[in-house]
Amino acid sequence: MKIGVRLAASAILGIAAYALVLFLPAGTFHYWQGWVFIALFTVVSIVPTIYLARKHPAALQRRMHAGPRAETRTAQKIISAGAFGTLFVVMAFSAFDHRMGWSTVPVWLCVVGDILMATGLAIAMRVIIENSYAAATITVESGQQVASDGLYRFVRHPMYAGNVIMMVGMPLALGSYWALLLVVPGVAILVLRILDEEKLLKSDLPGYREYAQRVRYRLLPSVW
C-alpha cells in the first residue's frame, strides 16, 4: 500500500478512535474540549508527518511500525501496551469526569492544557526530524549513530520528555482534574521503558555510553 494511502487511512482511523474513546464515556457530543482535543492532536500530528513523508520517508516508516505487537522483546511488549493503554484511559476517564461533573476546570486552564499537549507532541515530532532512527519500537539498526545534537543536548530521551508534557496537558485540555492522577503511572511506565531501552543502547549502540556520560539526565533536566 502506498504511504499516502496508509497515512490517510491511519488518520481516519485515529480520528474515529479518538471520537469513540472521548464521546462514548462523555455520553454526549456537546463536549467542546473533546472536539478541540481531536482537532489539535490531528493537526499537530499530520503536519510533521507530511514533512517526514516528503523529506524522511524512512523515518516515517519506522514511526508507523508501532505498538506492542511491533516490539521484539517481551519486556517492551508489556511496557508498550501499558503506555498506549494509559493514554486511552486518561482520555476515557477525562471524558467520563465531564459526564459526571466531578471537575470544574475553567476555560483558560483547558487552553493551557491544549498548549501543553501541543507542545509535548511537537517536541516528540521534532525529535523524529532530528533523529531519523527514533523509531516507535526499541531497536538498534545497522549503521545507526548516537544522536547528540538538538534536543539531545539536554536530555537523553527528549521524545519521552515531550510525552510527559503531553500527558500532563491531556487531562486539563479535556477538563479533568482527577485524570491528572493517572499521569503518575504513565510516567512510571515511561521510566521503565527508558531503563530497559538504555540497557540495549549501552550494549548495542557504539558511543552511547560516552554520550550518557556527557548528558547526565534521561528525561527531565536537573531531575532525572
N, C-alpha and C. Protein backbone atom coordinates (compact mmCIF):
# COMPACT_ATOMS: atom_id res chain seq x y z
N MET A 1 0.84 -1.20 0.00
CA MET A 1 0.00 0.00 0.00
C MET A 1 0.88 1.25 0.00
N LYS A 2 0.58 2.23 -0.86
CA LYS A 2 1.36 3.44 -0.92
C LYS A 2 1.27 4.18 0.39
N ILE A 3 2.38 4.90 0.70
CA ILE A 3 2.45 5.55 2.01
C ILE A 3 1.38 6.62 2.18
N GLY A 4 1.01 7.31 1.09
CA GLY A 4 -0.04 8.32 1.18
C GLY A 4 -1.37 7.72 1.59
N VAL A 5 -1.69 6.57 1.01
CA VAL A 5 -2.95 5.90 1.34
C VAL A 5 -2.90 5.41 2.78
N ARG A 6 -1.76 4.89 3.19
CA ARG A 6 -1.61 4.41 4.57
C ARG A 6 -1.77 5.55 5.56
N LEU A 7 -1.19 6.71 5.23
CA LEU A 7 -1.31 7.87 6.11
C LEU A 7 -2.76 8.33 6.23
N ALA A 8 -3.45 8.39 5.09
CA ALA A 8 -4.84 8.81 5.10
C ALA A 8 -5.69 7.84 5.91
N ALA A 9 -5.47 6.54 5.70
CA ALA A 9 -6.24 5.53 6.44
C ALA A 9 -5.94 5.62 7.93
N SER A 10 -4.65 5.82 8.26
CA SER A 10 -4.25 5.93 9.66
C SER A 10 -4.90 7.15 10.32
N ALA A 11 -4.93 8.28 9.60
CA ALA A 11 -5.53 9.50 10.15
C ALA A 11 -7.02 9.32 10.40
N ILE A 12 -7.72 8.70 9.44
CA ILE A 12 -9.16 8.49 9.59
C ILE A 12 -9.46 7.55 10.75
N LEU A 13 -8.70 6.46 10.83
CA LEU A 13 -8.91 5.51 11.92
C LEU A 13 -8.58 6.14 13.27
N GLY A 14 -7.52 6.98 13.28
CA GLY A 14 -7.14 7.66 14.51
C GLY A 14 -8.22 8.60 15.01
N ILE A 15 -8.78 9.40 14.11
CA ILE A 15 -9.85 10.33 14.47
C ILE A 15 -11.07 9.56 14.98
N ALA A 16 -11.40 8.46 14.30
CA ALA A 16 -12.54 7.65 14.72
C ALA A 16 -12.31 7.05 16.11
N ALA A 17 -11.07 6.60 16.36
CA ALA A 17 -10.75 6.01 17.67
C ALA A 17 -10.82 7.06 18.77
N TYR A 18 -10.28 8.25 18.51
CA TYR A 18 -10.33 9.33 19.50
C TYR A 18 -11.79 9.70 19.81
N ALA A 19 -12.60 9.80 18.76
CA ALA A 19 -14.00 10.16 18.94
C ALA A 19 -14.73 9.12 19.78
N LEU A 20 -14.46 7.85 19.53
CA LEU A 20 -15.10 6.78 20.28
C LEU A 20 -14.69 6.81 21.75
N VAL A 21 -13.37 6.97 21.99
CA VAL A 21 -12.85 6.95 23.36
C VAL A 21 -13.30 8.18 24.15
N LEU A 22 -13.56 9.28 23.46
CA LEU A 22 -13.95 10.50 24.16
C LEU A 22 -15.47 10.65 24.31
N PHE A 23 -16.20 10.51 23.22
CA PHE A 23 -17.61 10.87 23.25
C PHE A 23 -18.50 9.76 23.83
N LEU A 24 -18.05 8.52 23.75
CA LEU A 24 -18.84 7.44 24.36
C LEU A 24 -18.84 7.57 25.89
N PRO A 25 -17.69 7.72 26.55
CA PRO A 25 -17.71 7.93 28.00
C PRO A 25 -18.36 9.26 28.40
N ALA A 26 -18.21 10.28 27.54
CA ALA A 26 -18.82 11.58 27.86
C ALA A 26 -20.33 11.52 27.76
N GLY A 27 -20.84 10.59 26.96
CA GLY A 27 -22.28 10.44 26.82
C GLY A 27 -22.94 11.55 26.03
N THR A 28 -22.14 12.34 25.32
CA THR A 28 -22.68 13.46 24.55
C THR A 28 -21.64 13.93 23.54
N PHE A 29 -22.13 14.56 22.47
CA PHE A 29 -21.24 15.22 21.53
C PHE A 29 -21.04 16.69 21.90
N HIS A 30 -21.79 17.15 22.90
CA HIS A 30 -21.65 18.54 23.37
C HIS A 30 -20.52 18.60 24.40
N TYR A 31 -19.34 18.40 23.89
CA TYR A 31 -18.13 18.31 24.72
C TYR A 31 -17.03 19.03 23.95
N TRP A 32 -17.01 20.37 24.05
CA TRP A 32 -16.11 21.15 23.20
C TRP A 32 -14.65 20.81 23.45
N GLN A 33 -14.33 20.45 24.69
CA GLN A 33 -12.93 20.09 24.98
C GLN A 33 -12.50 18.88 24.15
N GLY A 34 -13.43 17.93 23.96
CA GLY A 34 -13.12 16.76 23.16
C GLY A 34 -12.89 17.10 21.69
N TRP A 35 -13.72 17.99 21.14
CA TRP A 35 -13.56 18.39 19.74
C TRP A 35 -12.25 19.14 19.53
N VAL A 36 -11.92 20.04 20.46
CA VAL A 36 -10.65 20.77 20.34
C VAL A 36 -9.48 19.81 20.45
N PHE A 37 -9.57 18.86 21.37
CA PHE A 37 -8.52 17.86 21.55
C PHE A 37 -8.26 17.11 20.25
N ILE A 38 -9.31 16.60 19.64
CA ILE A 38 -9.16 15.83 18.40
C ILE A 38 -8.56 16.70 17.29
N ALA A 39 -9.07 17.91 17.14
CA ALA A 39 -8.57 18.81 16.09
C ALA A 39 -7.09 19.13 16.30
N LEU A 40 -6.75 19.46 17.54
CA LEU A 40 -5.37 19.85 17.85
C LEU A 40 -4.42 18.67 17.66
N PHE A 41 -4.81 17.53 18.19
CA PHE A 41 -3.97 16.34 18.07
C PHE A 41 -3.75 15.96 16.61
N THR A 42 -4.83 16.08 15.82
CA THR A 42 -4.74 15.71 14.40
C THR A 42 -3.82 16.66 13.65
N VAL A 43 -3.97 17.96 13.86
CA VAL A 43 -3.16 18.95 13.14
C VAL A 43 -1.69 18.84 13.52
N VAL A 44 -1.42 18.78 14.82
CA VAL A 44 -0.02 18.75 15.28
C VAL A 44 0.67 17.46 14.85
N SER A 45 -0.10 16.40 14.65
CA SER A 45 0.48 15.14 14.20
C SER A 45 0.66 15.10 12.68
N ILE A 46 -0.33 15.61 11.95
CA ILE A 46 -0.32 15.46 10.50
C ILE A 46 0.73 16.33 9.82
N VAL A 47 0.89 17.57 10.30
CA VAL A 47 1.84 18.48 9.63
C VAL A 47 3.26 17.91 9.62
N PRO A 48 3.83 17.49 10.77
CA PRO A 48 5.17 16.88 10.73
C PRO A 48 5.19 15.57 9.96
N THR A 49 4.08 14.83 10.00
CA THR A 49 4.01 13.56 9.28
C THR A 49 4.13 13.78 7.77
N ILE A 50 3.47 14.79 7.26
CA ILE A 50 3.58 15.12 5.84
C ILE A 50 5.01 15.52 5.50
N TYR A 51 5.64 16.29 6.40
CA TYR A 51 7.04 16.69 6.18
C TYR A 51 7.94 15.46 6.12
N LEU A 52 7.74 14.53 7.05
CA LEU A 52 8.56 13.32 7.06
C LEU A 52 8.33 12.49 5.80
N ALA A 53 7.09 12.43 5.34
CA ALA A 53 6.78 11.67 4.14
C ALA A 53 7.52 12.21 2.92
N ARG A 54 7.72 13.52 2.91
CA ARG A 54 8.40 14.16 1.77
C ARG A 54 9.91 14.15 1.92
N LYS A 55 10.40 14.36 3.14
CA LYS A 55 11.83 14.54 3.36
C LYS A 55 12.54 13.33 3.96
N HIS A 56 11.86 12.61 4.84
CA HIS A 56 12.48 11.49 5.55
C HIS A 56 11.53 10.29 5.59
N PRO A 57 11.23 9.70 4.44
CA PRO A 57 10.26 8.59 4.41
C PRO A 57 10.69 7.39 5.25
N ALA A 58 12.00 7.14 5.35
CA ALA A 58 12.47 6.00 6.15
C ALA A 58 12.13 6.21 7.62
N ALA A 59 12.30 7.44 8.10
CA ALA A 59 11.97 7.75 9.49
C ALA A 59 10.47 7.58 9.73
N LEU A 60 9.67 7.97 8.75
CA LEU A 60 8.22 7.83 8.88
C LEU A 60 7.82 6.35 8.93
N GLN A 61 8.48 5.54 8.11
CA GLN A 61 8.18 4.11 8.11
C GLN A 61 8.47 3.51 9.48
N ARG A 62 9.55 3.96 10.12
CA ARG A 62 9.88 3.44 11.45
C ARG A 62 8.80 3.83 12.46
N ARG A 63 8.30 5.07 12.35
CA ARG A 63 7.29 5.53 13.29
C ARG A 63 5.95 4.81 13.09
N MET A 64 5.65 4.44 11.87
CA MET A 64 4.38 3.78 11.59
C MET A 64 4.39 2.32 12.03
N HIS A 65 5.59 1.78 12.24
CA HIS A 65 5.71 0.41 12.74
C HIS A 65 5.73 0.47 14.26
N ALA A 66 4.56 0.60 14.86
CA ALA A 66 4.48 0.89 16.29
C ALA A 66 3.51 -0.04 16.98
N GLY A 67 3.52 0.05 18.31
CA GLY A 67 2.58 -0.72 19.10
C GLY A 67 3.22 -1.94 19.74
N PRO A 68 2.55 -2.54 20.71
CA PRO A 68 3.10 -3.70 21.42
C PRO A 68 3.48 -4.86 20.50
N ARG A 69 2.68 -5.11 19.47
CA ARG A 69 2.96 -6.24 18.58
C ARG A 69 4.22 -6.02 17.76
N ALA A 70 4.60 -4.74 17.56
CA ALA A 70 5.78 -4.44 16.76
C ALA A 70 7.07 -4.62 17.55
N GLU A 71 6.97 -4.62 18.87
CA GLU A 71 8.15 -4.80 19.71
C GLU A 71 8.67 -6.22 19.58
N THR A 72 10.00 -6.36 19.67
CA THR A 72 10.62 -7.68 19.53
C THR A 72 10.96 -8.31 20.87
N ARG A 73 10.95 -7.53 21.93
CA ARG A 73 11.33 -8.03 23.25
C ARG A 73 10.10 -8.05 24.17
N THR A 74 9.98 -9.11 24.95
CA THR A 74 8.79 -9.30 25.78
C THR A 74 8.57 -8.14 26.74
N ALA A 75 9.65 -7.69 27.38
CA ALA A 75 9.52 -6.59 28.35
C ALA A 75 8.93 -5.36 27.69
N GLN A 76 9.39 -5.05 26.47
CA GLN A 76 8.90 -3.86 25.79
C GLN A 76 7.48 -4.05 25.25
N LYS A 77 7.10 -5.27 24.94
CA LYS A 77 5.71 -5.53 24.55
C LYS A 77 4.78 -5.16 25.70
N ILE A 78 5.15 -5.58 26.90
CA ILE A 78 4.33 -5.29 28.08
C ILE A 78 4.32 -3.81 28.38
N ILE A 79 5.51 -3.20 28.35
CA ILE A 79 5.62 -1.76 28.66
C ILE A 79 4.89 -0.93 27.62
N SER A 80 5.04 -1.29 26.35
CA SER A 80 4.37 -0.55 25.28
C SER A 80 2.86 -0.65 25.41
N ALA A 81 2.36 -1.83 25.76
CA ALA A 81 0.91 -2.00 25.95
C ALA A 81 0.43 -1.12 27.09
N GLY A 82 1.23 -1.06 28.16
CA GLY A 82 0.87 -0.21 29.29
C GLY A 82 0.86 1.26 28.93
N ALA A 83 1.85 1.69 28.11
CA ALA A 83 1.95 3.10 27.72
C ALA A 83 0.77 3.51 26.85
N PHE A 84 0.45 2.70 25.84
CA PHE A 84 -0.68 3.01 24.98
C PHE A 84 -1.99 2.97 25.77
N GLY A 85 -2.10 1.96 26.63
CA GLY A 85 -3.31 1.82 27.42
C GLY A 85 -3.54 3.00 28.34
N THR A 86 -2.47 3.51 28.94
CA THR A 86 -2.59 4.64 29.87
C THR A 86 -3.13 5.88 29.17
N LEU A 87 -2.64 6.14 27.95
CA LEU A 87 -3.11 7.32 27.21
C LEU A 87 -4.61 7.24 26.93
N PHE A 88 -5.08 6.07 26.52
CA PHE A 88 -6.50 5.92 26.23
C PHE A 88 -7.34 5.97 27.50
N VAL A 89 -6.80 5.44 28.60
CA VAL A 89 -7.51 5.50 29.87
C VAL A 89 -7.64 6.95 30.34
N VAL A 90 -6.57 7.74 30.17
CA VAL A 90 -6.62 9.16 30.53
C VAL A 90 -7.71 9.86 29.75
N MET A 91 -7.78 9.60 28.44
CA MET A 91 -8.80 10.22 27.61
C MET A 91 -10.20 9.81 28.04
N ALA A 92 -10.41 8.50 28.21
CA ALA A 92 -11.74 8.00 28.55
C ALA A 92 -12.17 8.47 29.93
N PHE A 93 -11.25 8.45 30.90
CA PHE A 93 -11.60 8.86 32.25
C PHE A 93 -11.90 10.36 32.30
N SER A 94 -11.14 11.14 31.55
CA SER A 94 -11.39 12.59 31.49
C SER A 94 -12.78 12.86 30.94
N ALA A 95 -13.15 12.12 29.89
CA ALA A 95 -14.48 12.29 29.30
C ALA A 95 -15.57 11.86 30.28
N PHE A 96 -15.33 10.78 31.01
CA PHE A 96 -16.32 10.32 31.99
C PHE A 96 -16.44 11.33 33.14
N ASP A 97 -15.32 11.95 33.52
CA ASP A 97 -15.33 13.01 34.52
C ASP A 97 -16.25 14.14 34.06
N HIS A 98 -16.14 14.50 32.77
CA HIS A 98 -17.01 15.54 32.20
C HIS A 98 -18.47 15.13 32.33
N ARG A 99 -18.75 13.87 32.04
CA ARG A 99 -20.12 13.36 32.11
C ARG A 99 -20.68 13.45 33.53
N MET A 100 -19.84 13.10 34.51
CA MET A 100 -20.30 13.06 35.90
C MET A 100 -20.20 14.41 36.59
N GLY A 101 -19.47 15.35 36.00
CA GLY A 101 -19.34 16.68 36.58
C GLY A 101 -18.49 16.73 37.83
N TRP A 102 -17.50 15.85 37.91
CA TRP A 102 -16.63 15.81 39.09
C TRP A 102 -15.67 17.00 39.14
N SER A 103 -15.22 17.47 37.98
CA SER A 103 -14.25 18.57 37.91
C SER A 103 -14.88 19.80 37.28
N THR A 104 -14.42 20.95 37.75
CA THR A 104 -14.84 22.21 37.13
C THR A 104 -13.58 22.97 36.72
N VAL A 105 -13.10 22.66 35.55
CA VAL A 105 -11.86 23.26 35.04
C VAL A 105 -12.21 24.48 34.21
N PRO A 106 -11.69 25.66 34.58
CA PRO A 106 -12.01 26.87 33.81
C PRO A 106 -11.48 26.79 32.38
N VAL A 107 -12.08 27.56 31.51
CA VAL A 107 -11.70 27.54 30.09
C VAL A 107 -10.22 27.87 29.91
N TRP A 108 -9.73 28.86 30.64
CA TRP A 108 -8.33 29.26 30.47
C TRP A 108 -7.37 28.13 30.80
N LEU A 109 -7.74 27.29 31.80
CA LEU A 109 -6.87 26.18 32.16
C LEU A 109 -6.97 25.04 31.14
N CYS A 110 -8.14 24.90 30.53
CA CYS A 110 -8.27 23.95 29.42
C CYS A 110 -7.37 24.36 28.26
N VAL A 111 -7.31 25.66 28.02
CA VAL A 111 -6.44 26.18 26.94
C VAL A 111 -4.98 25.93 27.29
N VAL A 112 -4.61 26.13 28.55
CA VAL A 112 -3.25 25.82 28.99
C VAL A 112 -2.94 24.34 28.74
N GLY A 113 -3.92 23.48 29.04
CA GLY A 113 -3.75 22.06 28.77
C GLY A 113 -3.56 21.78 27.29
N ASP A 114 -4.33 22.48 26.44
CA ASP A 114 -4.16 22.32 24.99
C ASP A 114 -2.75 22.73 24.56
N ILE A 115 -2.25 23.82 25.13
CA ILE A 115 -0.90 24.29 24.78
C ILE A 115 0.15 23.28 25.21
N LEU A 116 0.00 22.75 26.43
CA LEU A 116 0.95 21.75 26.92
C LEU A 116 0.91 20.49 26.05
N MET A 117 -0.28 20.06 25.72
CA MET A 117 -0.42 18.87 24.89
C MET A 117 0.22 19.07 23.52
N ALA A 118 -0.06 20.21 22.90
CA ALA A 118 0.51 20.50 21.58
C ALA A 118 2.02 20.64 21.65
N THR A 119 2.52 21.28 22.73
CA THR A 119 3.96 21.45 22.89
C THR A 119 4.66 20.11 23.04
N GLY A 120 4.10 19.25 23.91
CA GLY A 120 4.70 17.93 24.10
C GLY A 120 4.70 17.10 22.83
N LEU A 121 3.60 17.14 22.10
CA LEU A 121 3.51 16.39 20.86
C LEU A 121 4.46 16.96 19.81
N ALA A 122 4.59 18.29 19.78
CA ALA A 122 5.50 18.93 18.83
C ALA A 122 6.95 18.57 19.13
N ILE A 123 7.29 18.48 20.42
CA ILE A 123 8.65 18.08 20.80
C ILE A 123 8.93 16.66 20.31
N ALA A 124 7.98 15.76 20.52
CA ALA A 124 8.15 14.39 20.07
C ALA A 124 8.34 14.33 18.55
N MET A 125 7.57 15.12 17.83
CA MET A 125 7.70 15.15 16.37
C MET A 125 9.03 15.75 15.94
N ARG A 126 9.48 16.77 16.67
CA ARG A 126 10.76 17.40 16.37
C ARG A 126 11.91 16.41 16.54
N VAL A 127 11.80 15.55 17.55
CA VAL A 127 12.84 14.55 17.78
C VAL A 127 12.97 13.62 16.59
N ILE A 128 11.84 13.24 16.00
CA ILE A 128 11.89 12.35 14.84
C ILE A 128 12.61 13.02 13.67
N ILE A 129 12.43 14.32 13.52
CA ILE A 129 13.11 15.05 12.45
C ILE A 129 14.60 15.14 12.73
N GLU A 130 14.97 15.34 14.01
CA GLU A 130 16.37 15.45 14.38
C GLU A 130 17.09 14.10 14.34
N ASN A 131 16.36 13.04 14.66
CA ASN A 131 16.95 11.70 14.73
C ASN A 131 16.10 10.74 13.92
N SER A 132 16.53 10.44 12.72
CA SER A 132 15.74 9.60 11.83
C SER A 132 15.64 8.16 12.32
N TYR A 133 16.48 7.80 13.32
CA TYR A 133 16.42 6.45 13.88
C TYR A 133 15.51 6.38 15.10
N ALA A 134 14.80 7.47 15.39
CA ALA A 134 13.91 7.48 16.56
C ALA A 134 12.65 6.70 16.22
N ALA A 135 12.75 5.39 16.31
CA ALA A 135 11.64 4.52 15.97
C ALA A 135 10.65 4.43 17.12
N ALA A 136 9.48 3.92 16.82
CA ALA A 136 8.47 3.72 17.86
C ALA A 136 8.70 2.44 18.63
N THR A 137 9.61 1.60 18.11
CA THR A 137 9.98 0.36 18.79
C THR A 137 11.43 0.47 19.26
N ILE A 138 11.78 -0.34 20.25
CA ILE A 138 13.14 -0.30 20.81
C ILE A 138 14.02 -1.24 20.00
N THR A 139 14.91 -0.65 19.22
CA THR A 139 15.79 -1.44 18.37
C THR A 139 17.03 -0.63 18.00
N VAL A 140 18.10 -1.32 17.63
CA VAL A 140 19.30 -0.67 17.11
C VAL A 140 19.54 -1.22 15.72
N GLU A 141 19.61 -0.34 14.73
CA GLU A 141 19.73 -0.77 13.35
C GLU A 141 21.16 -0.64 12.86
N SER A 142 21.46 -1.34 11.79
CA SER A 142 22.79 -1.29 11.19
C SER A 142 23.09 0.12 10.71
N GLY A 143 24.25 0.63 11.06
CA GLY A 143 24.65 1.97 10.66
C GLY A 143 24.12 3.08 11.54
N GLN A 144 23.34 2.74 12.56
CA GLN A 144 22.77 3.77 13.44
C GLN A 144 23.86 4.44 14.26
N GLN A 145 23.76 5.76 14.39
CA GLN A 145 24.71 6.53 15.17
C GLN A 145 23.98 7.21 16.33
N VAL A 146 24.76 7.58 17.34
CA VAL A 146 24.19 8.25 18.50
C VAL A 146 23.76 9.66 18.13
N ALA A 147 22.53 10.01 18.43
CA ALA A 147 22.04 11.38 18.22
C ALA A 147 22.43 12.20 19.45
N SER A 148 23.13 13.31 19.22
CA SER A 148 23.60 14.12 20.35
C SER A 148 23.38 15.61 20.15
N ASP A 149 22.79 16.00 19.03
CA ASP A 149 22.55 17.42 18.76
C ASP A 149 21.09 17.77 19.06
N GLY A 150 20.78 19.06 18.90
CA GLY A 150 19.40 19.50 19.11
C GLY A 150 18.93 19.24 20.52
N LEU A 151 17.73 18.70 20.64
CA LEU A 151 17.15 18.43 21.95
C LEU A 151 17.93 17.37 22.72
N TYR A 152 18.71 16.56 22.01
CA TYR A 152 19.50 15.52 22.66
C TYR A 152 20.66 16.10 23.46
N ARG A 153 20.92 17.38 23.34
CA ARG A 153 21.96 18.01 24.16
C ARG A 153 21.50 18.21 25.59
N PHE A 154 20.20 18.18 25.82
CA PHE A 154 19.65 18.49 27.14
C PHE A 154 19.25 17.24 27.93
N VAL A 155 18.62 16.30 27.26
CA VAL A 155 18.26 15.03 27.90
C VAL A 155 18.47 13.91 26.89
N ARG A 156 18.65 12.70 27.41
CA ARG A 156 18.95 11.57 26.53
C ARG A 156 17.71 11.03 25.82
N HIS A 157 16.54 11.36 26.35
CA HIS A 157 15.29 10.87 25.75
C HIS A 157 14.28 12.02 25.59
N PRO A 158 14.57 12.96 24.71
CA PRO A 158 13.68 14.12 24.56
C PRO A 158 12.28 13.77 24.08
N MET A 159 12.15 12.66 23.32
CA MET A 159 10.81 12.27 22.87
C MET A 159 9.93 11.91 24.07
N TYR A 160 10.49 11.20 25.02
CA TYR A 160 9.73 10.84 26.20
C TYR A 160 9.47 12.06 27.09
N ALA A 161 10.39 13.01 27.08
CA ALA A 161 10.15 14.26 27.81
C ALA A 161 8.93 14.97 27.23
N GLY A 162 8.83 14.96 25.89
CA GLY A 162 7.66 15.53 25.24
C GLY A 162 6.40 14.78 25.61
N ASN A 163 6.52 13.45 25.76
CA ASN A 163 5.36 12.64 26.15
C ASN A 163 4.86 13.01 27.54
N VAL A 164 5.80 13.31 28.46
CA VAL A 164 5.41 13.71 29.82
C VAL A 164 4.62 15.02 29.78
N ILE A 165 5.14 15.99 29.02
CA ILE A 165 4.44 17.27 28.90
C ILE A 165 3.05 17.06 28.31
N MET A 166 2.96 16.20 27.31
CA MET A 166 1.67 15.92 26.68
C MET A 166 0.71 15.26 27.66
N MET A 167 1.23 14.31 28.47
CA MET A 167 0.37 13.61 29.43
C MET A 167 -0.18 14.56 30.49
N VAL A 168 0.64 15.53 30.91
CA VAL A 168 0.16 16.50 31.89
C VAL A 168 -0.93 17.39 31.28
N GLY A 169 -0.75 17.73 30.02
CA GLY A 169 -1.70 18.62 29.36
C GLY A 169 -3.02 17.97 29.01
N MET A 170 -3.01 16.66 28.73
CA MET A 170 -4.22 15.99 28.25
C MET A 170 -5.41 16.09 29.21
N PRO A 171 -5.26 15.76 30.51
CA PRO A 171 -6.43 15.86 31.40
C PRO A 171 -6.97 17.28 31.52
N LEU A 172 -6.06 18.26 31.58
CA LEU A 172 -6.50 19.65 31.67
C LEU A 172 -7.22 20.07 30.40
N ALA A 173 -6.66 19.68 29.25
CA ALA A 173 -7.29 20.01 27.97
C ALA A 173 -8.70 19.42 27.88
N LEU A 174 -8.89 18.27 28.50
CA LEU A 174 -10.19 17.60 28.44
C LEU A 174 -11.07 17.93 29.63
N GLY A 175 -10.60 18.87 30.48
CA GLY A 175 -11.44 19.37 31.57
C GLY A 175 -11.54 18.47 32.78
N SER A 176 -10.44 17.78 33.12
CA SER A 176 -10.49 16.87 34.26
C SER A 176 -9.30 17.08 35.19
N TYR A 177 -9.59 17.30 36.47
CA TYR A 177 -8.54 17.33 37.48
C TYR A 177 -8.19 15.91 37.93
N TRP A 178 -9.20 15.06 38.09
CA TRP A 178 -8.98 13.72 38.61
C TRP A 178 -8.10 12.87 37.70
N ALA A 179 -8.19 13.08 36.40
CA ALA A 179 -7.38 12.29 35.47
C ALA A 179 -5.90 12.61 35.58
N LEU A 180 -5.57 13.74 36.24
CA LEU A 180 -4.16 14.06 36.46
C LEU A 180 -3.47 12.99 37.30
N LEU A 181 -4.24 12.29 38.14
CA LEU A 181 -3.66 11.23 38.96
C LEU A 181 -3.09 10.11 38.10
N LEU A 182 -3.64 9.93 36.90
CA LEU A 182 -3.18 8.87 36.01
C LEU A 182 -1.85 9.19 35.36
N VAL A 183 -1.41 10.45 35.49
CA VAL A 183 -0.10 10.83 34.96
C VAL A 183 1.00 10.09 35.71
N VAL A 184 0.78 9.82 36.99
CA VAL A 184 1.79 9.15 37.81
C VAL A 184 2.14 7.77 37.27
N PRO A 185 1.16 6.86 37.07
CA PRO A 185 1.52 5.57 36.47
C PRO A 185 2.02 5.71 35.03
N GLY A 186 1.55 6.73 34.32
CA GLY A 186 2.03 6.96 32.96
C GLY A 186 3.51 7.27 32.92
N VAL A 187 3.96 8.14 33.84
CA VAL A 187 5.38 8.48 33.92
C VAL A 187 6.19 7.27 34.40
N ALA A 188 5.62 6.51 35.33
CA ALA A 188 6.30 5.32 35.84
C ALA A 188 6.57 4.32 34.70
N ILE A 189 5.60 4.17 33.81
CA ILE A 189 5.78 3.27 32.66
C ILE A 189 6.88 3.79 31.74
N LEU A 190 6.93 5.11 31.53
CA LEU A 190 7.99 5.69 30.71
C LEU A 190 9.36 5.45 31.33
N VAL A 191 9.44 5.56 32.65
CA VAL A 191 10.71 5.32 33.34
C VAL A 191 11.16 3.88 33.11
N LEU A 192 10.24 2.93 33.23
CA LEU A 192 10.58 1.53 32.99
C LEU A 192 11.04 1.32 31.55
N ARG A 193 10.37 1.99 30.62
CA ARG A 193 10.75 1.87 29.20
C ARG A 193 12.15 2.43 28.97
N ILE A 194 12.44 3.56 29.58
CA ILE A 194 13.77 4.18 29.42
C ILE A 194 14.86 3.29 30.00
N LEU A 195 14.64 2.77 31.19
CA LEU A 195 15.66 1.93 31.84
C LEU A 195 15.94 0.69 31.01
N ASP A 196 14.89 0.07 30.48
CA ASP A 196 15.08 -1.11 29.66
C ASP A 196 15.72 -0.76 28.32
N GLU A 197 15.31 0.38 27.75
CA GLU A 197 15.87 0.80 26.46
C GLU A 197 17.36 1.09 26.58
N GLU A 198 17.76 1.71 27.69
CA GLU A 198 19.17 2.08 27.83
C GLU A 198 20.07 0.86 27.99
N LYS A 199 19.55 -0.24 28.52
CA LYS A 199 20.34 -1.46 28.57
C LYS A 199 20.73 -1.90 27.16
N LEU A 200 19.76 -1.83 26.25
CA LEU A 200 20.03 -2.21 24.86
C LEU A 200 20.97 -1.22 24.19
N LEU A 201 20.74 0.07 24.38
CA LEU A 201 21.55 1.09 23.73
C LEU A 201 23.01 1.03 24.19
N LYS A 202 23.22 0.84 25.49
CA LYS A 202 24.59 0.79 26.02
C LYS A 202 25.35 -0.44 25.54
N SER A 203 24.62 -1.52 25.27
CA SER A 203 25.29 -2.75 24.84
C SER A 203 25.44 -2.84 23.33
N ASP A 204 24.49 -2.25 22.58
CA ASP A 204 24.48 -2.47 21.13
C ASP A 204 24.77 -1.23 20.28
N LEU A 205 24.68 -0.03 20.86
CA LEU A 205 24.88 1.19 20.06
C LEU A 205 26.24 1.80 20.39
N PRO A 206 27.21 1.73 19.48
CA PRO A 206 28.54 2.28 19.76
C PRO A 206 28.48 3.77 20.08
N GLY A 207 29.17 4.16 21.15
CA GLY A 207 29.23 5.57 21.53
C GLY A 207 28.16 6.01 22.50
N TYR A 208 27.18 5.14 22.78
CA TYR A 208 26.09 5.58 23.66
C TYR A 208 26.56 5.73 25.10
N ARG A 209 27.46 4.88 25.56
CA ARG A 209 27.95 5.00 26.94
C ARG A 209 28.65 6.34 27.14
N GLU A 210 29.45 6.75 26.16
CA GLU A 210 30.15 8.03 26.26
C GLU A 210 29.16 9.20 26.22
N TYR A 211 28.14 9.06 25.37
CA TYR A 211 27.10 10.10 25.30
C TYR A 211 26.38 10.21 26.64
N ALA A 212 26.08 9.07 27.27
CA ALA A 212 25.38 9.07 28.55
C ALA A 212 26.21 9.73 29.65
N GLN A 213 27.52 9.67 29.51
CA GLN A 213 28.38 10.33 30.49
C GLN A 213 28.38 11.84 30.30
N ARG A 214 28.23 12.27 29.04
CA ARG A 214 28.21 13.71 28.76
C ARG A 214 26.86 14.33 29.13
N VAL A 215 25.78 13.65 28.76
CA VAL A 215 24.43 14.14 29.05
C VAL A 215 23.89 13.30 30.21
N ARG A 216 23.87 13.88 31.38
CA ARG A 216 23.59 13.11 32.60
C ARG A 216 22.12 12.75 32.77
N TYR A 217 21.23 13.61 32.28
CA TYR A 217 19.81 13.43 32.58
C TYR A 217 19.08 12.69 31.46
N ARG A 218 18.22 11.79 31.88
CA ARG A 218 17.50 10.97 30.92
C ARG A 218 16.23 11.63 30.41
N LEU A 219 15.44 12.18 31.33
CA LEU A 219 14.10 12.63 30.99
C LEU A 219 13.85 14.11 31.24
N LEU A 220 14.20 14.59 32.43
CA LEU A 220 13.98 15.99 32.79
C LEU A 220 15.29 16.60 33.28
N PRO A 221 15.73 17.72 32.70
CA PRO A 221 16.98 18.36 33.12
C PRO A 221 16.99 18.66 34.61
N SER A 222 18.11 18.36 35.25
CA SER A 222 18.33 18.63 36.69
C SER A 222 17.43 17.80 37.60
N VAL A 223 16.68 16.84 37.05
CA VAL A 223 15.80 15.99 37.87
C VAL A 223 16.22 14.53 37.73
N TRP A 224 16.14 13.99 36.51
CA TRP A 224 16.49 12.56 36.30
C TRP A 224 16.87 12.32 34.85
